[in-house]
Amino acid sequence: MTCKDCDKNIGPQEKQASMEALGVQLCERHTRLIKRVILQNDTSVEAIQLFYALKEAGAHPMLEWWDGKKSVDIAISRVKLNIEIDKDYNMITHEQAISDLEDAMHSFKNGFTTIRIPHLAIKYYLDETVTNILGIISGLKANIKAI
């Protein structure tokens, strides 16, 4: 068993603790670091799981990336893709809808594409979600000049 971040060998207790807290196999050091990110940014566990799944798939994601206006859950800067995880997908208000639209406009003005993914898609369909995001990345690479 190895840490998904640093490839350090980890014991069964470390694995169990990180899996229970985050749903990702991490060493004690990286579990502490990710828990600090969660506290500082109100990052969802699903964003952490998607980040490591995309990292494992070779997508080079960045967690809690600052876009100049706010922190984005996950960014793939090579193709200018921002990924936001909707935690309260069922309870969107008209104010939140307008705010989301304004955020998307801000991203587009800076050349970024923003996609919003319901947390349930990650919780129950992580592999399919990663496959679809990789397809989006591939499409963006074909249509824009990759950095």
N, C-alpha and C. Protein backbone atom coordinates (compact mmCIF):
# COMPACT_ATOMS: atom_id res chain seq x y z
N MET A 1 0.83 -1.17 0.00
CA MET A 1 0.00 0.00 0.00
C MET A 1 0.88 1.24 0.00
N THR A 2 0.56 2.16 -0.89
CA THR A 2 1.35 3.39 -0.97
C THR A 2 0.43 4.62 -0.96
N CYS A 3 1.00 5.74 -0.55
CA CYS A 3 0.29 7.02 -0.54
C CYS A 3 0.04 7.46 -1.98
N LYS A 4 -1.18 7.93 -2.26
CA LYS A 4 -1.54 8.39 -3.62
C LYS A 4 -0.84 9.69 -3.97
N ASP A 5 -0.23 10.36 -2.99
CA ASP A 5 0.43 11.62 -3.25
C ASP A 5 1.94 11.47 -3.42
N CYS A 6 2.58 10.73 -2.50
CA CYS A 6 4.05 10.67 -2.51
C CYS A 6 4.61 9.27 -2.78
N ASP A 7 3.75 8.28 -2.96
CA ASP A 7 4.15 6.89 -3.20
C ASP A 7 4.92 6.26 -2.03
N LYS A 8 4.87 6.88 -0.86
CA LYS A 8 5.50 6.32 0.33
C LYS A 8 4.68 5.12 0.79
N ASN A 9 5.37 4.06 1.22
CA ASN A 9 4.67 2.90 1.76
C ASN A 9 3.95 3.29 3.05
N ILE A 10 2.71 2.84 3.17
CA ILE A 10 1.93 3.14 4.37
C ILE A 10 1.39 1.84 4.95
N GLY A 11 1.17 1.88 6.26
CA GLY A 11 0.64 0.72 6.95
C GLY A 11 -0.87 0.66 6.88
N PRO A 12 -1.42 -0.45 7.32
CA PRO A 12 -2.87 -0.61 7.28
C PRO A 12 -3.63 0.41 8.13
N GLN A 13 -3.04 0.83 9.26
CA GLN A 13 -3.71 1.83 10.11
C GLN A 13 -3.75 3.19 9.43
N GLU A 14 -2.64 3.58 8.79
CA GLU A 14 -2.61 4.86 8.05
C GLU A 14 -3.63 4.82 6.92
N LYS A 15 -3.66 3.70 6.21
CA LYS A 15 -4.59 3.57 5.09
C LYS A 15 -6.03 3.67 5.60
N GLN A 16 -6.34 2.94 6.65
CA GLN A 16 -7.70 2.94 7.18
C GLN A 16 -8.11 4.34 7.64
N ALA A 17 -7.20 5.04 8.33
CA ALA A 17 -7.51 6.38 8.84
C ALA A 17 -7.79 7.35 7.70
N SER A 18 -6.96 7.30 6.66
CA SER A 18 -7.15 8.23 5.54
C SER A 18 -8.39 7.86 4.71
N MET A 19 -8.65 6.56 4.56
CA MET A 19 -9.82 6.13 3.80
C MET A 19 -11.11 6.52 4.52
N GLU A 20 -11.12 6.39 5.84
CA GLU A 20 -12.31 6.76 6.61
C GLU A 20 -12.55 8.27 6.57
N ALA A 21 -11.47 9.05 6.65
CA ALA A 21 -11.61 10.51 6.70
C ALA A 21 -11.81 11.13 5.32
N LEU A 22 -11.08 10.60 4.32
CA LEU A 22 -11.04 11.26 3.02
C LEU A 22 -11.47 10.38 1.85
N GLY A 23 -11.49 9.09 2.02
CA GLY A 23 -11.82 8.20 0.92
C GLY A 23 -10.68 8.02 -0.06
N VAL A 24 -9.47 8.39 0.38
CA VAL A 24 -8.28 8.29 -0.47
C VAL A 24 -7.15 7.71 0.39
N GLN A 25 -6.34 6.87 -0.21
CA GLN A 25 -5.24 6.23 0.48
C GLN A 25 -4.05 7.19 0.55
N LEU A 26 -3.80 7.77 1.75
CA LEU A 26 -2.72 8.73 1.92
C LEU A 26 -1.89 8.41 3.16
N CYS A 27 -0.64 8.87 3.15
CA CYS A 27 0.21 8.74 4.32
C CYS A 27 -0.28 9.73 5.38
N GLU A 28 0.25 9.61 6.57
CA GLU A 28 -0.18 10.47 7.68
C GLU A 28 0.09 11.95 7.37
N ARG A 29 1.22 12.24 6.78
CA ARG A 29 1.58 13.62 6.46
C ARG A 29 0.60 14.24 5.46
N HIS A 30 0.30 13.52 4.39
CA HIS A 30 -0.61 14.05 3.38
C HIS A 30 -2.06 14.09 3.88
N THR A 31 -2.43 13.18 4.74
CA THR A 31 -3.76 13.23 5.35
C THR A 31 -3.90 14.52 6.15
N ARG A 32 -2.86 14.85 6.94
CA ARG A 32 -2.88 16.11 7.71
C ARG A 32 -2.95 17.32 6.78
N LEU A 33 -2.15 17.33 5.72
CA LEU A 33 -2.14 18.45 4.79
C LEU A 33 -3.51 18.64 4.11
N ILE A 34 -4.10 17.55 3.67
CA ILE A 34 -5.41 17.64 3.00
C ILE A 34 -6.50 18.07 3.98
N LYS A 35 -6.43 17.59 5.22
CA LYS A 35 -7.40 18.03 6.22
C LYS A 35 -7.27 19.54 6.48
N ARG A 36 -6.05 20.06 6.44
CA ARG A 36 -5.84 21.50 6.60
C ARG A 36 -6.44 22.27 5.42
N VAL A 37 -6.28 21.74 4.20
CA VAL A 37 -6.88 22.37 3.01
C VAL A 37 -8.40 22.38 3.15
N ILE A 38 -8.97 21.29 3.63
CA ILE A 38 -10.42 21.19 3.81
C ILE A 38 -10.90 22.26 4.80
N LEU A 39 -10.18 22.42 5.91
CA LEU A 39 -10.57 23.40 6.91
C LEU A 39 -10.43 24.83 6.40
N GLN A 40 -9.36 25.11 5.69
CA GLN A 40 -9.10 26.47 5.21
C GLN A 40 -10.04 26.90 4.09
N ASN A 41 -10.43 25.96 3.22
CA ASN A 41 -11.18 26.30 2.01
C ASN A 41 -12.59 25.73 1.95
N ASP A 42 -12.99 24.99 2.97
CA ASP A 42 -14.28 24.30 2.96
C ASP A 42 -14.37 23.37 1.75
N THR A 43 -13.28 22.71 1.45
CA THR A 43 -13.20 21.78 0.33
C THR A 43 -13.98 20.51 0.66
N SER A 44 -14.74 20.03 -0.31
CA SER A 44 -15.51 18.81 -0.07
C SER A 44 -14.62 17.57 -0.22
N VAL A 45 -15.02 16.51 0.46
CA VAL A 45 -14.31 15.23 0.35
C VAL A 45 -14.35 14.73 -1.09
N GLU A 46 -15.47 14.99 -1.78
CA GLU A 46 -15.59 14.57 -3.18
C GLU A 46 -14.58 15.28 -4.06
N ALA A 47 -14.27 16.55 -3.76
CA ALA A 47 -13.25 17.28 -4.53
C ALA A 47 -11.88 16.64 -4.32
N ILE A 48 -11.61 16.21 -3.09
CA ILE A 48 -10.34 15.53 -2.79
C ILE A 48 -10.27 14.21 -3.56
N GLN A 49 -11.34 13.45 -3.54
CA GLN A 49 -11.36 12.17 -4.24
C GLN A 49 -11.19 12.36 -5.74
N LEU A 50 -11.87 13.35 -6.31
CA LEU A 50 -11.74 13.62 -7.74
C LEU A 50 -10.33 14.10 -8.08
N PHE A 51 -9.77 14.95 -7.25
CA PHE A 51 -8.40 15.44 -7.45
C PHE A 51 -7.42 14.27 -7.58
N TYR A 52 -7.47 13.34 -6.64
CA TYR A 52 -6.53 12.21 -6.67
C TYR A 52 -6.83 11.24 -7.81
N ALA A 53 -8.09 11.08 -8.16
CA ALA A 53 -8.44 10.21 -9.29
C ALA A 53 -7.92 10.83 -10.60
N LEU A 54 -8.06 12.15 -10.75
CA LEU A 54 -7.54 12.82 -11.96
C LEU A 54 -6.01 12.79 -11.97
N LYS A 55 -5.40 12.95 -10.82
CA LYS A 55 -3.94 12.88 -10.71
C LYS A 55 -3.45 11.49 -11.14
N GLU A 56 -4.12 10.47 -10.66
CA GLU A 56 -3.77 9.09 -11.01
C GLU A 56 -3.95 8.83 -12.51
N ALA A 57 -4.93 9.51 -13.12
CA ALA A 57 -5.20 9.35 -14.56
C ALA A 57 -4.24 10.19 -15.42
N GLY A 58 -3.36 10.98 -14.77
CA GLY A 58 -2.36 11.74 -15.51
C GLY A 58 -2.83 13.11 -15.98
N ALA A 59 -3.86 13.67 -15.34
CA ALA A 59 -4.43 14.94 -15.81
C ALA A 59 -3.72 16.17 -15.23
N HIS A 60 -2.85 16.03 -14.26
CA HIS A 60 -2.11 17.14 -13.62
C HIS A 60 -3.04 18.21 -13.03
N PRO A 61 -3.95 17.80 -12.13
CA PRO A 61 -4.87 18.77 -11.53
C PRO A 61 -4.19 19.59 -10.43
N MET A 62 -4.80 20.73 -10.12
CA MET A 62 -4.37 21.55 -8.99
C MET A 62 -5.58 21.71 -8.08
N LEU A 63 -5.37 21.52 -6.79
CA LEU A 63 -6.45 21.59 -5.81
C LEU A 63 -6.51 23.00 -5.24
N GLU A 64 -7.72 23.55 -5.14
CA GLU A 64 -7.97 24.88 -4.57
C GLU A 64 -7.07 25.93 -5.22
N TRP A 65 -7.23 26.08 -6.51
CA TRP A 65 -6.45 27.02 -7.31
C TRP A 65 -7.13 28.38 -7.31
N TRP A 66 -6.37 29.45 -7.08
CA TRP A 66 -6.92 30.81 -7.05
C TRP A 66 -7.02 31.33 -8.47
N ASP A 67 -8.24 31.70 -8.90
CA ASP A 67 -8.43 32.16 -10.29
C ASP A 67 -8.41 33.68 -10.43
N GLY A 68 -8.07 34.39 -9.36
CA GLY A 68 -8.04 35.84 -9.39
C GLY A 68 -9.24 36.46 -8.72
N LYS A 69 -10.28 35.65 -8.54
CA LYS A 69 -11.50 36.13 -7.89
C LYS A 69 -11.86 35.24 -6.69
N LYS A 70 -11.69 33.94 -6.88
CA LYS A 70 -12.02 33.00 -5.82
C LYS A 70 -11.22 31.71 -6.02
N SER A 71 -11.29 30.86 -5.03
CA SER A 71 -10.61 29.57 -5.10
C SER A 71 -11.49 28.58 -5.86
N VAL A 72 -10.89 27.90 -6.83
CA VAL A 72 -11.58 26.90 -7.64
C VAL A 72 -11.24 25.53 -7.06
N ASP A 73 -12.24 24.66 -6.94
CA ASP A 73 -12.00 23.34 -6.33
C ASP A 73 -10.84 22.63 -7.00
N ILE A 74 -10.91 22.46 -8.32
CA ILE A 74 -9.85 21.78 -9.08
C ILE A 74 -9.64 22.54 -10.38
N ALA A 75 -8.39 22.71 -10.77
CA ALA A 75 -8.08 23.35 -12.04
C ALA A 75 -7.11 22.48 -12.83
N ILE A 76 -7.30 22.46 -14.13
CA ILE A 76 -6.36 21.82 -15.05
C ILE A 76 -5.85 22.98 -15.92
N SER A 77 -4.76 23.59 -15.49
CA SER A 77 -4.31 24.83 -16.12
C SER A 77 -3.82 24.64 -17.55
N ARG A 78 -3.34 23.47 -17.89
CA ARG A 78 -2.80 23.24 -19.24
C ARG A 78 -3.85 23.44 -20.33
N VAL A 79 -5.12 23.19 -19.97
CA VAL A 79 -6.20 23.37 -20.95
C VAL A 79 -7.21 24.42 -20.47
N LYS A 80 -6.85 25.15 -19.42
CA LYS A 80 -7.70 26.21 -18.88
C LYS A 80 -9.09 25.71 -18.51
N LEU A 81 -9.10 24.67 -17.68
CA LEU A 81 -10.36 24.06 -17.22
C LEU A 81 -10.47 24.21 -15.71
N ASN A 82 -11.56 24.80 -15.25
CA ASN A 82 -11.89 24.89 -13.83
C ASN A 82 -13.02 23.92 -13.54
N ILE A 83 -12.88 23.19 -12.44
CA ILE A 83 -13.91 22.23 -12.04
C ILE A 83 -14.40 22.62 -10.65
N GLU A 84 -15.70 22.85 -10.56
CA GLU A 84 -16.34 23.15 -9.28
C GLU A 84 -17.22 21.98 -8.90
N ILE A 85 -17.18 21.61 -7.63
CA ILE A 85 -18.01 20.53 -7.13
C ILE A 85 -19.20 21.16 -6.41
N ASP A 86 -20.40 20.85 -6.87
CA ASP A 86 -21.63 21.34 -6.24
C ASP A 86 -21.97 20.43 -5.07
N LYS A 87 -21.87 20.98 -3.86
CA LYS A 87 -22.17 20.20 -2.66
C LYS A 87 -23.67 20.15 -2.39
N ASP A 88 -24.36 21.26 -2.61
CA ASP A 88 -25.80 21.33 -2.34
C ASP A 88 -26.55 21.43 -3.66
N TYR A 89 -26.36 20.45 -4.51
CA TYR A 89 -26.89 20.49 -5.87
C TYR A 89 -28.41 20.60 -5.91
N ASN A 90 -29.10 19.99 -4.97
CA ASN A 90 -30.56 19.99 -4.98
C ASN A 90 -31.16 21.29 -4.48
N MET A 91 -30.38 22.09 -3.78
CA MET A 91 -30.93 23.25 -3.11
C MET A 91 -30.43 24.56 -3.71
N ILE A 92 -30.33 24.67 -5.00
CA ILE A 92 -29.84 25.89 -5.63
C ILE A 92 -30.94 26.95 -5.62
N THR A 93 -30.55 28.16 -5.25
CA THR A 93 -31.49 29.29 -5.25
C THR A 93 -31.23 30.12 -6.49
N HIS A 94 -32.14 31.05 -6.78
CA HIS A 94 -31.93 31.91 -7.95
C HIS A 94 -30.71 32.81 -7.73
N GLU A 95 -30.43 33.21 -6.48
CA GLU A 95 -29.24 34.02 -6.21
C GLU A 95 -27.97 33.22 -6.52
N GLN A 96 -27.97 31.94 -6.12
CA GLN A 96 -26.80 31.09 -6.38
C GLN A 96 -26.64 30.84 -7.88
N ALA A 97 -27.74 30.68 -8.58
CA ALA A 97 -27.69 30.45 -10.02
C ALA A 97 -27.05 31.65 -10.73
N ILE A 98 -27.44 32.87 -10.34
CA ILE A 98 -26.87 34.07 -10.94
C ILE A 98 -25.40 34.20 -10.56
N SER A 99 -25.07 33.91 -9.31
CA SER A 99 -23.68 33.96 -8.87
C SER A 99 -22.82 32.97 -9.66
N ASP A 100 -23.33 31.75 -9.87
CA ASP A 100 -22.62 30.75 -10.66
C ASP A 100 -22.41 31.22 -12.10
N LEU A 101 -23.43 31.86 -12.66
CA LEU A 101 -23.33 32.37 -14.02
C LEU A 101 -22.28 33.49 -14.12
N GLU A 102 -22.26 34.36 -13.12
CA GLU A 102 -21.25 35.43 -13.09
C GLU A 102 -19.84 34.85 -12.96
N ASP A 103 -19.69 33.82 -12.13
CA ASP A 103 -18.39 33.16 -11.99
C ASP A 103 -17.95 32.54 -13.31
N ALA A 104 -18.88 31.91 -14.01
CA ALA A 104 -18.57 31.31 -15.32
C ALA A 104 -18.15 32.40 -16.31
N MET A 105 -18.85 33.54 -16.29
CA MET A 105 -18.50 34.65 -17.17
C MET A 105 -17.09 35.15 -16.86
N HIS A 106 -16.76 35.29 -15.59
CA HIS A 106 -15.42 35.73 -15.18
C HIS A 106 -14.35 34.77 -15.72
N SER A 107 -14.62 33.48 -15.59
CA SER A 107 -13.68 32.46 -16.09
C SER A 107 -13.52 32.56 -17.60
N PHE A 108 -14.64 32.68 -18.32
CA PHE A 108 -14.60 32.76 -19.78
C PHE A 108 -13.82 33.98 -20.24
N LYS A 109 -13.99 35.10 -19.56
CA LYS A 109 -13.26 36.32 -19.92
C LYS A 109 -11.76 36.13 -19.78
N ASN A 110 -11.36 35.25 -18.88
CA ASN A 110 -9.94 34.95 -18.70
C ASN A 110 -9.50 33.72 -19.49
N GLY A 111 -10.36 33.24 -20.38
CA GLY A 111 -10.01 32.12 -21.25
C GLY A 111 -10.20 30.75 -20.63
N PHE A 112 -10.88 30.67 -19.50
CA PHE A 112 -11.08 29.39 -18.83
C PHE A 112 -12.49 28.86 -19.04
N THR A 113 -12.61 27.56 -19.10
CA THR A 113 -13.90 26.89 -19.13
C THR A 113 -14.17 26.37 -17.73
N THR A 114 -15.38 26.60 -17.22
CA THR A 114 -15.74 26.10 -15.90
C THR A 114 -16.85 25.07 -16.04
N ILE A 115 -16.64 23.92 -15.41
CA ILE A 115 -17.70 22.92 -15.35
C ILE A 115 -18.08 22.69 -13.90
N ARG A 116 -19.34 22.45 -13.67
CA ARG A 116 -19.85 22.17 -12.33
C ARG A 116 -20.30 20.72 -12.29
N ILE A 117 -19.84 20.00 -11.29
CA ILE A 117 -20.15 18.58 -11.17
C ILE A 117 -20.87 18.35 -9.84
N PRO A 118 -22.03 17.72 -9.87
CA PRO A 118 -22.71 17.40 -8.60
C PRO A 118 -21.87 16.43 -7.78
N HIS A 119 -21.81 16.64 -6.48
CA HIS A 119 -21.00 15.77 -5.62
C HIS A 119 -21.45 14.32 -5.70
N LEU A 120 -22.72 14.07 -6.01
CA LEU A 120 -23.21 12.70 -6.11
C LEU A 120 -22.59 11.95 -7.29
N ALA A 121 -22.25 12.67 -8.36
CA ALA A 121 -21.60 12.03 -9.51
C ALA A 121 -20.23 11.47 -9.11
N ILE A 122 -19.56 12.18 -8.22
CA ILE A 122 -18.24 11.72 -7.76
C ILE A 122 -18.39 10.61 -6.73
N LYS A 123 -19.34 10.80 -5.84
CA LYS A 123 -19.57 9.82 -4.78
C LYS A 123 -19.93 8.45 -5.33
N TYR A 124 -20.80 8.41 -6.35
CA TYR A 124 -21.29 7.13 -6.85
C TYR A 124 -20.73 6.71 -8.20
N TYR A 125 -20.19 7.66 -8.98
CA TYR A 125 -19.71 7.36 -10.33
C TYR A 125 -18.35 7.99 -10.59
N LEU A 126 -17.41 7.79 -9.68
CA LEU A 126 -16.10 8.43 -9.78
C LEU A 126 -15.39 8.06 -11.08
N ASP A 127 -15.34 6.80 -11.43
CA ASP A 127 -14.63 6.37 -12.64
C ASP A 127 -15.23 6.99 -13.90
N GLU A 128 -16.56 6.99 -13.98
CA GLU A 128 -17.22 7.58 -15.15
C GLU A 128 -17.01 9.09 -15.21
N THR A 129 -17.00 9.73 -14.04
CA THR A 129 -16.76 11.18 -13.97
C THR A 129 -15.36 11.50 -14.47
N VAL A 130 -14.38 10.73 -14.03
CA VAL A 130 -13.00 10.94 -14.47
C VAL A 130 -12.89 10.73 -15.98
N THR A 131 -13.51 9.68 -16.49
CA THR A 131 -13.48 9.41 -17.93
C THR A 131 -14.06 10.57 -18.72
N ASN A 132 -15.18 11.12 -18.25
CA ASN A 132 -15.79 12.26 -18.94
C ASN A 132 -14.92 13.51 -18.86
N ILE A 133 -14.31 13.74 -17.72
CA ILE A 133 -13.43 14.91 -17.60
C ILE A 133 -12.21 14.75 -18.50
N LEU A 134 -11.67 13.55 -18.60
CA LEU A 134 -10.55 13.32 -19.51
C LEU A 134 -10.97 13.58 -20.95
N GLY A 135 -12.22 13.24 -21.30
CA GLY A 135 -12.74 13.55 -22.63
C GLY A 135 -12.85 15.04 -22.85
N ILE A 136 -13.28 15.78 -21.83
CA ILE A 136 -13.35 17.24 -21.93
C ILE A 136 -11.96 17.82 -22.11
N ILE A 137 -11.00 17.32 -21.36
CA ILE A 137 -9.61 17.77 -21.47
C ILE A 137 -9.10 17.52 -22.88
N SER A 138 -9.38 16.34 -23.41
CA SER A 138 -8.96 16.01 -24.77
C SER A 138 -9.58 16.95 -25.79
N GLY A 139 -10.87 17.24 -25.64
CA GLY A 139 -11.55 18.17 -26.54
C GLY A 139 -10.98 19.57 -26.43
N LEU A 140 -10.67 20.02 -25.23
CA LEU A 140 -10.08 21.35 -25.05
C LEU A 140 -8.68 21.42 -25.66
N LYS A 141 -7.90 20.35 -25.50
CA LYS A 141 -6.56 20.32 -26.12
C LYS A 141 -6.65 20.46 -27.62
N ALA A 142 -7.66 19.84 -28.22
CA ALA A 142 -7.82 19.88 -29.67
C ALA A 142 -8.30 21.24 -30.16
N ASN A 143 -9.01 21.98 -29.28
CA ASN A 143 -9.61 23.24 -29.73
C ASN A 143 -8.88 24.49 -29.25
N ILE A 144 -8.01 24.38 -28.28
CA ILE A 144 -7.23 25.54 -27.86
C ILE A 144 -5.77 25.16 -27.79
N LYS A 145 -4.94 26.15 -27.82
CA LYS A 145 -3.52 25.91 -27.71
C LYS A 145 -3.20 25.61 -26.25
N ALA A 146 -2.73 24.40 -25.99
CA ALA A 146 -2.41 24.00 -24.60
C ALA A 146 -1.20 24.77 -24.12
N ILE A 147 -1.22 25.12 -22.83
CA ILE A 147 -0.11 25.86 -22.23
C ILE A 147 1.06 24.94 -21.98
